[in-house]
Amino acid sequence: MSDPFNPTRRVEVQHPEMIAFLERAVLGYGRSVEAAAYILAYIKERHPVNATLKREIDRLLQT
């Protein structure tokens, strides 16, 4: 049986171009707000974001 935690399956191995994103987007529970703000900014740079959804996320980020 193979190792279920085989390092070749890790996203950063399969997609090294995502390392910079992952370093700022996967910060752990204690930094979820910071990570969510970064993820939203990342998405906004690449795709249109529904205004209502963005407004609600921004509101939640302020609480």
Protein backbone atom coordinates (compact mmCIF):
# COMPACT_ATOMS: atom_id res chain seq x y z
CA MET A 1 0.00 0.00 0.00
CA SER A 2 1.33 3.46 -0.87
CA ASP A 3 1.76 6.30 1.58
CA PRO A 4 -1.47 8.42 1.62
CA PHE A 5 0.65 11.47 2.48
CA ASN A 6 2.92 11.12 -0.53
CA PRO A 7 4.62 14.51 -0.94
CA THR A 8 4.22 14.41 -4.73
CA ARG A 9 0.47 14.92 -4.22
CA ARG A 10 0.97 18.23 -2.43
CA VAL A 11 -0.46 21.19 -4.33
CA GLU A 12 2.80 23.13 -4.19
CA VAL A 13 4.59 20.24 -5.89
CA GLN A 14 1.98 19.91 -8.61
CA HIS A 15 1.52 23.69 -9.05
CA PRO A 16 4.66 25.55 -7.96
CA GLU A 17 3.26 28.75 -9.47
CA MET A 18 0.73 28.76 -6.59
CA ILE A 19 3.32 28.86 -3.79
CA ALA A 20 3.21 32.66 -3.35
CA PHE A 21 -0.59 32.54 -3.21
CA LEU A 22 -0.64 29.68 -0.72
CA GLU A 23 1.84 31.43 1.58
CA ARG A 24 -0.65 34.30 2.00
CA ALA A 25 -3.94 32.42 1.66
CA VAL A 26 -3.42 29.44 3.96
CA LEU A 27 -2.50 31.01 7.29
CA GLY A 28 -4.36 28.90 9.84
CA TYR A 29 -7.36 29.64 12.03
CA GLY A 30 -5.73 32.51 13.91
CA ARG A 31 -5.26 34.50 10.72
CA SER A 32 -8.43 33.64 8.81
CA VAL A 33 -9.49 37.27 8.35
CA GLU A 34 -6.13 38.20 6.85
CA ALA A 35 -6.24 35.17 4.58
CA ALA A 36 -9.82 35.88 3.47
CA ALA A 37 -8.92 39.48 2.59
CA TYR A 38 -5.99 38.28 0.51
CA ILE A 39 -8.07 35.61 -1.25
CA LEU A 40 -10.74 38.17 -2.14
CA ALA A 41 -8.11 40.56 -3.52
CA TYR A 42 -6.54 37.71 -5.50
CA ILE A 43 -9.88 36.76 -7.02
CA LYS A 44 -10.78 40.40 -7.80
CA GLU A 45 -7.53 40.77 -9.76
CA ARG A 46 -8.47 37.84 -11.97
CA HIS A 47 -12.26 37.67 -12.16
CA PRO A 48 -15.33 39.86 -11.80
CA VAL A 49 -16.80 39.57 -8.30
CA ASN A 50 -20.50 39.96 -7.63
CA ALA A 51 -20.90 43.34 -5.91
CA THR A 52 -23.30 42.06 -3.25
CA LEU A 53 -21.03 39.16 -2.40
CA LYS A 54 -17.98 41.44 -2.24
CA ARG A 55 -19.81 43.93 -0.02
CA GLU A 56 -20.85 41.16 2.38
CA ILE A 57 -17.34 39.72 2.53
CA ASP A 58 -15.92 43.19 3.17
CA ARG A 59 -18.49 43.70 5.94
CA LEU A 60 -17.54 40.41 7.56
CA LEU A 61 -13.87 41.27 7.31
CA GLN A 62 -14.53 44.42 9.35
CA THR A 63 -16.17 42.57 12.24
